[in-house]
Each structure stands twice: as structure tokens, then as C-alpha cells.
C-alpha atoms as a PDB file:
ATOM      1  CA  UNK A   1     -62.604 -30.213 -58.904  1.00  0.00           C
ATOM      2  CA  UNK A   2     -60.287 -29.595 -61.851  1.00  0.00           C
ATOM      3  CA  UNK A   3     -62.866 -31.061 -64.228  1.00  0.00           C
ATOM      4  CA  UNK A   4     -65.568 -28.870 -62.648  1.00  0.00           C
ATOM      5  CA  UNK A   5     -63.389 -25.806 -63.186  1.00  0.00           C
ATOM      6  CA  UNK A   6     -62.838 -26.764 -66.827  1.00  0.00           C
ATOM      7  CA  UNK A   7     -66.561 -27.148 -67.478  1.00  0.00           C
ATOM      8  CA  UNK A   8     -67.388 -23.871 -65.721  1.00  0.00           C
ATOM      9  CA  UNK A   9     -64.771 -22.083 -67.823  1.00  0.00           C
ATOM     10  CA  UNK A  10     -66.596 -23.240 -70.953  1.00  0.00           C
ATOM     11  CA  UNK A  11     -69.907 -21.841 -69.684  1.00  0.00           C
ATOM     12  CA  UNK A  12     -68.357 -18.685 -68.242  1.00  0.00           C
ATOM     13  CA  UNK A  13     -69.819 -18.573 -64.718  1.00  0.00           C
ATOM     14  CA  UNK A  14     -71.431 -20.653 -61.999  1.00  0.00           C
ATOM     15  CA  UNK A  15     -74.536 -19.771 -59.994  1.00  0.00           C
ATOM     16  CA  UNK A  16     -74.903 -22.052 -56.984  1.00  0.00           C
ATOM     17  CA  UNK A  17     -77.958 -22.950 -54.908  1.00  0.00           C
ATOM     18  CA  UNK A  18     -76.200 -22.413 -51.581  1.00  0.00           C
ATOM     19  CA  UNK A  19     -78.626 -21.121 -48.896  1.00  0.00           C
ATOM     20  CA  UNK A  20     -81.571 -21.743 -51.221  1.00  0.00           C
ATOM     21  CA  UNK A  21     -83.417 -24.166 -48.929  1.00  0.00           C
ATOM     22  CA  UNK A  22     -82.650 -22.102 -45.848  1.00  0.00           C
ATOM     23  CA  UNK A  23     -83.640 -18.675 -47.181  1.00  0.00           C
ATOM     24  CA  UNK A  24     -86.658 -19.755 -49.259  1.00  0.00           C
ATOM     25  CA  UNK A  25     -88.139 -21.941 -46.518  1.00  0.00           C
ATOM     26  CA  UNK A  26     -87.780 -25.441 -47.925  1.00  0.00           C
ATOM     27  CA  UNK A  27     -88.803 -27.158 -44.685  1.00  0.00           C
ATOM     28  CA  UNK A  28     -90.954 -30.260 -44.732  1.00  0.00           C
ATOM     29  CA  UNK A  29     -91.370 -29.908 -40.965  1.00  0.00           C
ATOM     30  CA  UNK A  30     -91.480 -26.312 -39.778  1.00  0.00           C
ATOM     31  CA  UNK A  31     -93.965 -26.938 -36.994  1.00  0.00           C
ATOM     32  CA  UNK A  32     -91.869 -25.147 -34.359  1.00  0.00           C
ATOM     33  CA  UNK A  33     -93.250 -21.873 -35.743  1.00  0.00           C
ATOM     34  CA  UNK A  34     -96.368 -22.679 -33.677  1.00  0.00           C
ATOM     35  CA  UNK A  35     -94.256 -21.516 -30.719  1.00  0.00           C
ATOM     36  CA  UNK A  36     -94.539 -17.895 -31.894  1.00  0.00           C
ATOM     37  CA  UNK A  37     -98.297 -17.689 -31.481  1.00  0.00           C
ATOM     38  CA  UNK A  38     -98.135 -19.813 -28.314  1.00  0.00           C
ATOM     39  CA  UNK A  39     -95.541 -17.487 -26.808  1.00  0.00           C
ATOM     40  CA  UNK A  40     -97.730 -14.472 -27.585  1.00  0.00           C
ATOM     41  CA  UNK A  41    -100.876 -16.058 -26.146  1.00  0.00           C
ATOM     42  CA  UNK A  42    -102.819 -16.330 -29.439  1.00  0.00           C
ATOM     43  CA  UNK A  43    -104.487 -19.625 -28.553  1.00  0.00           C
ATOM     44  CA  UNK A  44    -106.915 -19.748 -31.480  1.00  0.00           C
ATOM     45  CA  UNK A  45    -104.142 -19.294 -34.016  1.00  0.00           C
ATOM     46  CA  UNK A  46    -102.006 -21.815 -32.118  1.00  0.00           C
ATOM     47  CA  UNK A  47    -104.695 -24.512 -32.235  1.00  0.00           C
ATOM     48  CA  UNK A  48    -105.321 -23.979 -35.947  1.00  0.00           C
ATOM     49  CA  UNK A  49    -101.623 -24.173 -36.763  1.00  0.00           C
ATOM     50  CA  UNK A  50    -101.145 -27.286 -34.614  1.00  0.00           C
ATOM     51  CA  UNK A  51    -103.949 -29.186 -36.376  1.00  0.00           C
ATOM     52  CA  UNK A  52    -102.674 -28.070 -39.802  1.00  0.00           C
ATOM     53  CA  UNK A  53     -99.140 -29.313 -39.123  1.00  0.00           C
ATOM     54  CA  UNK A  54    -100.489 -32.484 -37.533  1.00  0.00           C
ATOM     55  CA  UNK A  55    -102.398 -33.356 -40.721  1.00  0.00           C
ATOM     56  CA  UNK A  56     -99.437 -32.422 -42.938  1.00  0.00           C
ATOM     57  CA  UNK A  57     -96.879 -34.473 -41.001  1.00  0.00           C
ATOM     58  CA  UNK A  58     -99.244 -37.308 -40.014  1.00  0.00           C
ATOM     59  CA  UNK A  59     -98.253 -37.033 -36.347  1.00  0.00           C
ATOM     60  CA  UNK A  60    -100.366 -36.527 -33.188  1.00  0.00           C
ATOM     61  CA  UNK A  61    -101.319 -32.989 -32.244  1.00  0.00           C
ATOM     62  CA  UNK A  62     -99.767 -33.475 -28.811  1.00  0.00           C
ATOM     63  CA  UNK A  63     -96.281 -33.922 -30.310  1.00  0.00           C
ATOM     64  CA  UNK A  64     -96.671 -30.645 -32.213  1.00  0.00           C
ATOM     65  CA  UNK A  65     -97.790 -28.882 -29.033  1.00  0.00           C
ATOM     66  CA  UNK A  66     -94.943 -30.336 -26.955  1.00  0.00           C
ATOM     67  CA  UNK A  67     -92.335 -29.258 -29.488  1.00  0.00           C
ATOM     68  CA  UNK A  68     -93.783 -25.743 -29.668  1.00  0.00           C
ATOM     69  CA  UNK A  69     -94.016 -25.554 -25.878  1.00  0.00           C
ATOM     70  CA  UNK A  70     -90.338 -26.449 -25.450  1.00  0.00           C
ATOM     71  CA  UNK A  71     -89.312 -23.961 -28.158  1.00  0.00           C
ATOM     72  CA  UNK A  72     -91.348 -21.200 -26.502  1.00  0.00           C
ATOM     73  CA  UNK A  73     -89.708 -21.767 -23.102  1.00  0.00           C
ATOM     74  CA  UNK A  74     -86.153 -22.422 -24.289  1.00  0.00           C
ATOM     75  CA  UNK A  75     -83.732 -19.872 -25.667  1.00  0.00           C
ATOM     76  CA  UNK A  76     -81.773 -22.457 -27.637  1.00  0.00           C
ATOM     77  CA  UNK A  77     -82.349 -22.939 -31.369  1.00  0.00           C
ATOM     78  CA  UNK A  78     -84.648 -25.803 -32.256  1.00  0.00           C
ATOM     79  CA  UNK A  79     -83.158 -28.908 -33.803  1.00  0.00           C
ATOM     80  CA  UNK A  80     -84.588 -31.001 -36.590  1.00  0.00           C
ATOM     81  CA  UNK A  81     -83.832 -33.722 -39.078  1.00  0.00           C
ATOM     82  CA  UNK A  82     -82.677 -31.326 -41.747  1.00  0.00           C
ATOM     83  CA  UNK A  83     -79.037 -30.857 -42.670  1.00  0.00           C
ATOM     84  CA  UNK A  84     -79.563 -27.188 -41.940  1.00  0.00           C
ATOM     85  CA  UNK A  85     -80.144 -27.851 -38.266  1.00  0.00           C
ATOM     86  CA  UNK A  86     -77.421 -26.588 -35.894  1.00  0.00           C
ATOM     87  CA  UNK A  87     -74.562 -29.070 -36.181  1.00  0.00           C
ATOM     88  CA  UNK A  88     -73.494 -28.976 -32.538  1.00  0.00           C
ATOM     89  CA  UNK A  89     -77.065 -29.541 -31.365  1.00  0.00           C
ATOM     90  CA  UNK A  90     -77.380 -32.468 -33.749  1.00  0.00           C
ATOM     91  CA  UNK A  91     -74.080 -33.737 -32.346  1.00  0.00           C
ATOM     92  CA  UNK A  92     -75.431 -33.733 -28.807  1.00  0.00           C
ATOM     93  CA  UNK A  93     -78.626 -35.543 -29.791  1.00  0.00           C
ATOM     94  CA  UNK A  94     -77.667 -37.901 -32.614  1.00  0.00           C
ATOM     95  CA  UNK A  95     -73.975 -38.580 -32.029  1.00  0.00           C
ATOM     96  CA  UNK A  96     -70.457 -37.345 -32.522  1.00  0.00           C
ATOM     97  CA  UNK A  97     -67.331 -39.322 -33.433  1.00  0.00           C
ATOM     98  CA  UNK A  98     -64.589 -36.766 -32.788  1.00  0.00           C
ATOM     99  CA  UNK A  99     -62.107 -38.025 -30.229  1.00  0.00           C
ATOM    100  CA  UNK A 100     -62.212 -36.125 -26.883  1.00  0.00           C
ATOM    101  CA  UNK A 101     -58.471 -35.387 -27.029  1.00  0.00           C
ATOM    102  CA  UNK A 102     -58.851 -33.942 -30.532  1.00  0.00           C
ATOM    103  CA  UNK A 103     -61.779 -31.765 -29.412  1.00  0.00           C
ATOM    104  CA  UNK A 104     -59.771 -30.449 -26.451  1.00  0.00           C
ATOM    105  CA  UNK A 105     -56.762 -29.706 -28.662  1.00  0.00           C
ATOM    106  CA  UNK A 106     -58.882 -27.580 -31.009  1.00  0.00           C
ATOM    107  CA  UNK A 107     -61.022 -26.143 -28.160  1.00  0.00           C
ATOM    108  CA  UNK A 108     -64.185 -27.127 -30.013  1.00  0.00           C
ATOM    109  CA  UNK A 109     -66.255 -27.347 -26.833  1.00  0.00           C
ATOM    110  CA  UNK A 110     -65.485 -23.707 -26.023  1.00  0.00           C
ATOM    111  CA  UNK A 111     -66.305 -22.609 -29.564  1.00  0.00           C
ATOM    112  CA  UNK A 112     -69.687 -24.395 -29.536  1.00  0.00           C
ATOM    113  CA  UNK A 113     -70.724 -23.138 -26.111  1.00  0.00           C
ATOM    114  CA  UNK A 114     -73.098 -20.239 -26.858  1.00  0.00           C
ATOM    115  CA  UNK A 115     -74.941 -18.503 -24.002  1.00  0.00           C
ATOM    116  CA  UNK A 116     -78.670 -19.054 -24.297  1.00  0.00           C
ATOM    117  CA  UNK A 117     -79.254 -15.448 -23.264  1.00  0.00           C
ATOM    118  CA  UNK A 118     -77.870 -14.291 -26.597  1.00  0.00           C
ATOM    119  CA  UNK A 119     -80.784 -16.051 -28.365  1.00  0.00           C
ATOM    120  CA  UNK A 120     -83.508 -15.003 -25.924  1.00  0.00           C
ATOM    121  CA  UNK A 121     -84.449 -12.008 -28.059  1.00  0.00           C
ATOM    122  CA  UNK A 122     -84.903 -14.111 -31.227  1.00  0.00           C
ATOM    123  CA  UNK A 123     -88.352 -15.483 -31.999  1.00  0.00           C
ATOM    124  CA  UNK A 124     -88.477 -19.312 -31.950  1.00  0.00           C
ATOM    125  CA  UNK A 125     -89.318 -19.304 -35.662  1.00  0.00           C
ATOM    126  CA  UNK A 126     -86.126 -17.441 -36.609  1.00  0.00           C
ATOM    127  CA  UNK A 127     -83.589 -19.182 -34.385  1.00  0.00           C
ATOM    128  CA  UNK A 128     -83.050 -22.067 -36.766  1.00  0.00           C
ATOM    129  CA  UNK A 129     -82.384 -19.815 -39.757  1.00  0.00           C
ATOM    130  CA  UNK A 130     -80.165 -17.332 -37.918  1.00  0.00           C
ATOM    131  CA  UNK A 131     -78.136 -20.098 -36.277  1.00  0.00           C
ATOM    132  CA  UNK A 132     -77.574 -21.837 -39.601  1.00  0.00           C
ATOM    133  CA  UNK A 133     -76.598 -18.542 -41.262  1.00  0.00           C
ATOM    134  CA  UNK A 134     -74.070 -17.787 -38.541  1.00  0.00           C
ATOM    135  CA  UNK A 135     -72.622 -21.277 -38.799  1.00  0.00           C
ATOM    136  CA  UNK A 136     -72.254 -21.056 -42.593  1.00  0.00           C
ATOM    137  CA  UNK A 137     -70.437 -17.731 -42.285  1.00  0.00           C
ATOM    138  CA  UNK A 138     -68.119 -18.980 -39.529  1.00  0.00           C
ATOM    139  CA  UNK A 139     -67.209 -22.139 -41.439  1.00  0.00           C
ATOM    140  CA  UNK A 140     -66.792 -20.171 -44.710  1.00  0.00           C
ATOM    141  CA  UNK A 141     -68.935 -22.609 -46.657  1.00  0.00           C
ATOM    142  CA  UNK A 142     -69.709 -19.844 -49.170  1.00  0.00           C
ATOM    143  CA  UNK A 143     -66.042 -19.263 -49.933  1.00  0.00           C
ATOM    144  CA  UNK A 144     -65.033 -20.234 -53.446  1.00  0.00           C
ATOM    145  CA  UNK A 145     -62.849 -23.378 -53.607  1.00  0.00           C
ATOM    146  CA  UNK A 146     -59.263 -22.676 -54.585  1.00  0.00           C
ATOM    147  CA  UNK A 147     -59.503 -24.335 -58.051  1.00  0.00           C
ATOM    148  CA  UNK A 148     -62.513 -22.099 -58.860  1.00  0.00           C
ATOM    149  CA  UNK A 149     -61.269 -18.752 -57.545  1.00  0.00           C
ATOM    150  CA  UNK A 150     -60.304 -17.524 -61.001  1.00  0.00           C
ATOM    151  CA  UNK A 151     -63.891 -18.077 -62.246  1.00  0.00           C
ATOM    152  CA  UNK A 152     -67.187 -16.271 -61.703  1.00  0.00           C
ATOM    153  CA  UNK A 153     -68.550 -18.232 -58.737  1.00  0.00           C
ATOM    154  CA  UNK A 154     -71.520 -16.628 -56.959  1.00  0.00           C
ATOM    155  CA  UNK A 155     -74.407 -17.507 -54.622  1.00  0.00           C
ATOM    156  CA  UNK A 156     -77.636 -15.699 -55.662  1.00  0.00           C
ATOM    157  CA  UNK A 157     -79.583 -16.862 -52.587  1.00  0.00           C
ATOM    158  CA  UNK A 158     -76.919 -15.279 -50.346  1.00  0.00           C
ATOM    159  CA  UNK A 159     -77.641 -11.812 -51.783  1.00  0.00           C
ATOM    160  CA  UNK A 160     -77.962  -9.698 -48.657  1.00  0.00           C
ATOM    161  CA  UNK A 161     -81.133  -7.738 -49.601  1.00  0.00           C
ATOM    162  CA  UNK A 162     -82.861 -11.050 -50.420  1.00  0.00           C
ATOM    163  CA  UNK A 163     -81.757 -12.592 -47.115  1.00  0.00           C
ATOM    164  CA  UNK A 164     -82.938  -9.551 -45.154  1.00  0.00           C
ATOM    165  CA  UNK A 165     -86.290  -9.501 -46.956  1.00  0.00           C
ATOM    166  CA  UNK A 166     -86.978 -13.226 -46.441  1.00  0.00           C
ATOM    167  CA  UNK A 167     -86.117 -12.964 -42.741  1.00  0.00           C
ATOM    168  CA  UNK A 168     -88.395  -9.958 -42.334  1.00  0.00           C
ATOM    169  CA  UNK A 169     -91.671 -11.150 -43.877  1.00  0.00           C
ATOM    170  CA  UNK A 170     -94.059 -13.249 -41.701  1.00  0.00           C
ATOM    171  CA  UNK A 171     -92.893 -16.882 -41.375  1.00  0.00           C
ATOM    172  CA  UNK A 172     -96.298 -18.210 -42.492  1.00  0.00           C
ATOM    173  CA  UNK A 173     -95.700 -16.623 -45.895  1.00  0.00           C
ATOM    174  CA  UNK A 174     -92.421 -18.504 -46.344  1.00  0.00           C
ATOM    175  CA  UNK A 175     -93.337 -22.072 -45.402  1.00  0.00           C
ATOM    176  CA  UNK A 176     -96.806 -23.553 -44.868  1.00  0.00           C
ATOM    177  CA  UNK A 177     -97.984 -27.093 -44.093  1.00  0.00           C
ATOM    178  CA  UNK A 178     -97.388 -29.195 -47.243  1.00  0.00           C
ATOM    179  CA  UNK A 179     -96.261 -26.000 -49.032  1.00  0.00           C
ATOM    180  CA  UNK A 180     -92.527 -25.380 -48.551  1.00  0.00           C
ATOM    181  CA  UNK A 181     -90.928 -22.557 -50.551  1.00  0.00           C
ATOM    182  CA  UNK A 182     -94.363 -20.946 -50.835  1.00  0.00           C
ATOM    183  CA  UNK A 183     -93.294 -17.471 -52.191  1.00  0.00           C
ATOM    184  CA  UNK A 184     -90.919 -19.007 -54.751  1.00  0.00           C
ATOM    185  CA  UNK A 185     -93.488 -21.530 -55.988  1.00  0.00           C
ATOM    186  CA  UNK A 186     -96.149 -18.846 -56.307  1.00  0.00           C
ATOM    187  CA  UNK A 187     -93.774 -16.485 -58.170  1.00  0.00           C
ATOM    188  CA  UNK A 188     -92.855 -19.229 -60.665  1.00  0.00           C
ATOM    189  CA  UNK A 189     -96.452 -20.371 -61.226  1.00  0.00           C
ATOM    190  CA  UNK A 190     -96.997 -20.437 -64.997  1.00  0.00           C
ATOM    191  CA  UNK A 191     -93.256 -20.208 -65.674  1.00  0.00           C
ATOM    192  CA  UNK A 192     -91.790 -23.436 -64.294  1.00  0.00           C
ATOM    193  CA  UNK A 193     -93.286 -26.799 -65.376  1.00  0.00           C
ATOM    194  CA  UNK A 194     -95.862 -28.201 -62.915  1.00  0.00           C
ATOM    195  CA  UNK A 195     -93.665 -31.234 -62.263  1.00  0.00           C
ATOM    196  CA  UNK A 196     -90.836 -28.988 -61.110  1.00  0.00           C
ATOM    197  CA  UNK A 197     -93.126 -26.514 -59.371  1.00  0.00           C
ATOM    198  CA  UNK A 198     -94.843 -29.065 -57.111  1.00  0.00           C
ATOM    199  CA  UNK A 199     -92.006 -31.470 -56.358  1.00  0.00           C
ATOM    200  CA  UNK A 200     -90.800 -31.831 -52.788  1.00  0.00           C
ATOM    201  CA  UNK A 201     -87.105 -32.094 -53.632  1.00  0.00           C
ATOM    202  CA  UNK A 202     -84.676 -32.380 -56.527  1.00  0.00           C
ATOM    203  CA  UNK A 203     -83.818 -35.867 -55.296  1.00  0.00           C
ATOM    204  CA  UNK A 204     -81.548 -37.336 -52.681  1.00  0.00           C
ATOM    205  CA  UNK A 205     -78.444 -39.450 -52.977  1.00  0.00           C
ATOM    206  CA  UNK A 206     -78.921 -41.025 -49.534  1.00  0.00           C
ATOM    207  CA  UNK A 207     -79.471 -44.568 -50.847  1.00  0.00           C
ATOM    208  CA  UNK A 208     -76.372 -44.473 -53.058  1.00  0.00           C
ATOM    209  CA  UNK A 209     -74.313 -42.861 -50.323  1.00  0.00           C
ATOM    210  CA  UNK A 210     -75.500 -45.420 -47.762  1.00  0.00           C
ATOM    211  CA  UNK A 211     -74.568 -48.309 -50.077  1.00  0.00           C
ATOM    212  CA  UNK A 212     -71.131 -46.758 -50.602  1.00  0.00           C
ATOM    213  CA  UNK A 213     -70.590 -46.425 -46.848  1.00  0.00           C
ATOM    214  CA  UNK A 214     -71.762 -49.958 -46.145  1.00  0.00           C
ATOM    215  CA  UNK A 215     -69.500 -51.528 -48.776  1.00  0.00           C
ATOM    216  CA  UNK A 216     -66.359 -49.465 -48.124  1.00  0.00           C
ATOM    217  CA  UNK A 217     -66.403 -48.735 -44.399  1.00  0.00           C
ATOM    218  CA  UNK A 218     -68.167 -51.743 -42.876  1.00  0.00           C
ATOM    219  CA  UNK A 219     -64.793 -52.878 -41.463  1.00  0.00           C
ATOM    220  CA  UNK A 220     -64.627 -49.713 -39.365  1.00  0.00           C
ATOM    221  CA  UNK A 221     -67.572 -50.929 -37.301  1.00  0.00           C
ATOM    222  CA  UNK A 222     -65.439 -53.674 -35.738  1.00  0.00           C
ATOM    223  CA  UNK A 223     -61.798 -52.653 -36.070  1.00  0.00           C
ATOM    224  CA  UNK A 224     -59.844 -49.363 -36.276  1.00  0.00           C
ATOM    225  CA  UNK A 225     -58.786 -49.771 -39.906  1.00  0.00           C
ATOM    226  CA  UNK A 226     -59.330 -46.215 -41.097  1.00  0.00           C
ATOM    227  CA  UNK A 227     -56.845 -43.368 -41.152  1.00  0.00           C
ATOM    228  CA  UNK A 228     -58.964 -41.022 -39.028  1.00  0.00           C
ATOM    229  CA  UNK A 229     -59.111 -43.591 -36.223  1.00  0.00           C
ATOM    230  CA  UNK A 230     -55.417 -44.396 -36.404  1.00  0.00           C
ATOM    231  CA  UNK A 231     -54.571 -40.689 -36.353  1.00  0.00           C
ATOM    232  CA  UNK A 232     -56.595 -40.158 -33.170  1.00  0.00           C
ATOM    233  CA  UNK A 233     -59.123 -37.826 -34.761  1.00  0.00           C
ATOM    234  CA  UNK A 234     -62.262 -39.930 -34.248  1.00  0.00           C
ATOM    235  CA  UNK A 235     -63.423 -42.706 -31.950  1.00  0.00           C
ATOM    236  CA  UNK A 236     -63.659 -46.136 -33.578  1.00  0.00           C
ATOM    237  CA  UNK A 237     -66.594 -47.299 -31.431  1.00  0.00           C
ATOM    238  CA  UNK A 238     -68.687 -44.188 -32.086  1.00  0.00           C
ATOM    239  CA  UNK A 239     -67.865 -44.210 -35.802  1.00  0.00           C
ATOM    240  CA  UNK A 240     -68.859 -47.883 -36.133  1.00  0.00           C
ATOM    241  CA  UNK A 241     -72.145 -47.407 -34.271  1.00  0.00           C
ATOM    242  CA  UNK A 242     -73.075 -44.412 -36.385  1.00  0.00           C
ATOM    243  CA  UNK A 243     -72.232 -46.261 -39.609  1.00  0.00           C
ATOM    244  CA  UNK A 244     -74.620 -49.044 -38.592  1.00  0.00           C
ATOM    245  CA  UNK A 245     -77.293 -46.485 -37.728  1.00  0.00           C
ATOM    246  CA  UNK A 246     -76.791 -44.816 -41.116  1.00  0.00           C
ATOM    247  CA  UNK A 247     -77.454 -48.124 -42.889  1.00  0.00           C
ATOM    248  CA  UNK A 248     -80.388 -49.028 -40.644  1.00  0.00           C
ATOM    249  CA  UNK A 249     -82.077 -45.628 -40.877  1.00  0.00           C
ATOM    250  CA  UNK A 250     -82.091 -43.964 -37.403  1.00  0.00           C
ATOM    251  CA  UNK A 251     -80.772 -40.425 -36.946  1.00  0.00           C
ATOM    252  CA  UNK A 252     -76.982 -40.332 -36.684  1.00  0.00           C
ATOM    253  CA  UNK A 253     -76.054 -36.668 -37.299  1.00  0.00           C
ATOM    254  CA  UNK A 254     -75.591 -37.362 -41.009  1.00  0.00           C
ATOM    255  CA  UNK A 255     -74.122 -33.936 -41.746  1.00  0.00           C
ATOM    256  CA  UNK A 256     -70.992 -34.593 -39.682  1.00  0.00           C
ATOM    257  CA  UNK A 257     -70.852 -38.292 -40.566  1.00  0.00           C
ATOM    258  CA  UNK A 258     -70.851 -37.542 -44.300  1.00  0.00           C
ATOM    259  CA  UNK A 259     -67.939 -35.131 -43.892  1.00  0.00           C
ATOM    260  CA  UNK A 260     -65.979 -37.731 -41.913  1.00  0.00           C
ATOM    261  CA  UNK A 261     -66.651 -40.419 -44.528  1.00  0.00           C
ATOM    262  CA  UNK A 262     -65.630 -38.167 -47.412  1.00  0.00           C
ATOM    263  CA  UNK A 263     -62.460 -37.125 -45.566  1.00  0.00           C
ATOM    264  CA  UNK A 264     -61.603 -40.769 -44.863  1.00  0.00           C
ATOM    265  CA  UNK A 265     -62.184 -41.697 -48.525  1.00  0.00           C
ATOM    266  CA  UNK A 266     -59.903 -38.839 -49.600  1.00  0.00           C
ATOM    267  CA  UNK A 267     -57.187 -39.936 -47.175  1.00  0.00           C
ATOM    268  CA  UNK A 268     -57.379 -43.536 -48.382  1.00  0.00           C
ATOM    269  CA  UNK A 269     -57.224 -42.444 -52.016  1.00  0.00           C
ATOM    270  CA  UNK A 270     -54.242 -40.209 -51.254  1.00  0.00           C
ATOM    271  CA  UNK A 271     -52.474 -43.059 -49.480  1.00  0.00           C
ATOM    272  CA  UNK A 272     -53.148 -45.405 -52.408  1.00  0.00           C
ATOM    273  CA  UNK A 273     -51.705 -42.925 -54.895  1.00  0.00           C
ATOM    274  CA  UNK A 274     -48.605 -42.427 -52.739  1.00  0.00           C
ATOM    275  CA  UNK A 275     -48.135 -46.195 -52.512  1.00  0.00           C
ATOM    276  CA  UNK A 276     -48.446 -46.617 -56.280  1.00  0.00           C
ATOM    277  CA  UNK A 277     -45.987 -43.778 -56.864  1.00  0.00           C
ATOM    278  CA  UNK A 278     -43.514 -45.294 -54.422  1.00  0.00           C
ATOM    279  CA  UNK A 279     -43.811 -48.695 -56.094  1.00  0.00           C
ATOM    280  CA  UNK A 280     -43.296 -47.146 -59.522  1.00  0.00           C
ATOM    281  CA  UNK A 281     -40.157 -45.328 -58.397  1.00  0.00           C
ATOM    282  CA  UNK A 282     -38.808 -48.523 -56.863  1.00  0.00           C
ATOM    283  CA  UNK A 283     -39.348 -50.384 -60.142  1.00  0.00           C
ATOM    284  CA  UNK A 284     -37.608 -47.623 -62.098  1.00  0.00           C
ATOM    285  CA  UNK A 285     -34.563 -47.856 -59.819  1.00  0.00           C
ATOM    286  CA  UNK A 286     -34.304 -51.598 -60.544  1.00  0.00           C
ATOM    287  CA  UNK A 287     -34.328 -51.141 -64.303  1.00  0.00           C
ATOM    288  CA  UNK A 288     -30.932 -51.499 -65.986  1.00  0.00           C
ATOM    289  CA  UNK A 289     -29.270 -48.412 -67.358  1.00  0.00           C
ATOM    290  CA  UNK A 290     -28.028 -48.647 -70.970  1.00  0.00           C
END
């Protein structure tokens, strides 16, 4: 982070992309928006949208209908494979490694328990965005890191008028089948290069991250050899199972798992530095004094 601060100081300011995917509608699968027309009884529009998303995602129409039907009846935010999906919902479906005693000590279960009635008034299309926005504000993910607080560190996509505008316009104008970020792509047509304009993503580091996890934390799948396990913060069995699922490909609530892995790597690096410092001091004490 110190090196990042030094490089930003040379440039003068930093504009981040935080909230960019969420606000601009960068969803590969946004088929739950079919629930809006289904909830309002517009059957013709519902059928057209279901077939469009079915062709775009290469999945049966029935799965699109079933997902929209559940979203229309439920008051809970929909979950998905994206990192922007509600973290506690992803925890319930795809796994959680926090130790029960640690959760009770921090009262996490009480904090995550949100009455469904409070979301009943929100259209199914908007629940995912509003839930993710609330979660980002509560966790202060937009707060500037301490080493960067003396620099110009801003989030253009979190500009309140932009957020309000993007959450007000019809959802079909924000994300369409095979056309995520539709308003942004159309506005930059003729300005951005076609390769950038039509790409699906900037690129993922999942393969590199998975290789790192497999090589460094494979021992955690069989024995409690990590600091988080020994400290009673996470369950060894759950952590090992989710590490294997991460390598094999199934859903494992990657958002939480990545944070746990990064925290464990930081703790191990901190422990290594402390051990080296202690060894160095011990060697200095043994040196003769002239």
C-alpha cells in the first residue's frame, strides 16, 4: 500500500472503479428482471424476455421462469454468482467458514437477519442493487485506506446523482441479454476502441488466485495449520472443503473465501517477519562487544 501511495502521489489523484459494475449494470446473468413483468401480469413481455435470456445464457426457458417466479413471490433479494450478490445469502447457499462461537461473540447472525417485509416494497429487479449498495456502505468499502487518506482518492461511480439516475431508469435500458453496461457502451461508441467497447470483462485473476490457494493452503484441507483456525475464528473442516471446491470449480462463496485467504496470508507474513526479527535480535545479543 505504501508503494501504491507513492505512485498515486506522482500522478496527483486516483479515480477508482468501485461500484462501476453494480451501477452500470455489468451483469452477465440478469434474468431475474423477468420477475418484474411476471409480477405485474404482462405475460407477453415475460415470455419474450424469458426466451431472450434463455438464448443468451444457453439455459432452458423453464429455469429462467422458475427463477423469476421465486423472485416474484419472495421478498428476499435474489442471489447470483456475482461477487456483488448479497454476502450473507451467498454464505447460506455456498458455504461459510466462520466458527459458530466467533459469530456469536460478534453477533453476526443478528446483524444479518433482515426482515423480509422491509424489502417487500422493492421491485425484484432492484433488490440486488439496493442490497449490495447498503452492504458496501455498512462495511465502509468506499472509505479511503489509511495510507491513502492524504491523497485525492475518489469513486466517480459512487456519485450520488449518477447512482440515483441509474436506479431510476428502466432496468431494460441498463442491462440486456448479451449486452451488459448497455448505456455506457452506447455512450462510448466511436470513442473507445471496439475491442474495449465489446469485451465482457477486463479480465479475471481467478486462475492465478486458485493456483496460489492450492499451493499455499492445501495443508489446511487436512489439518488446522493456519492462524485463523488456531485462533478459533474459522472452522478447519469448512475451510478445507471450500478450498477444494475453489480448485475444482463449484460455487464456494468466493467473496468471503478470498478475504479469509488474504487475511491468513497477511497473518503468516506478519508472523514470519516477527520470527526473523526475533532471530536477528538474538544473534545481535550473542555478538561480542568490543
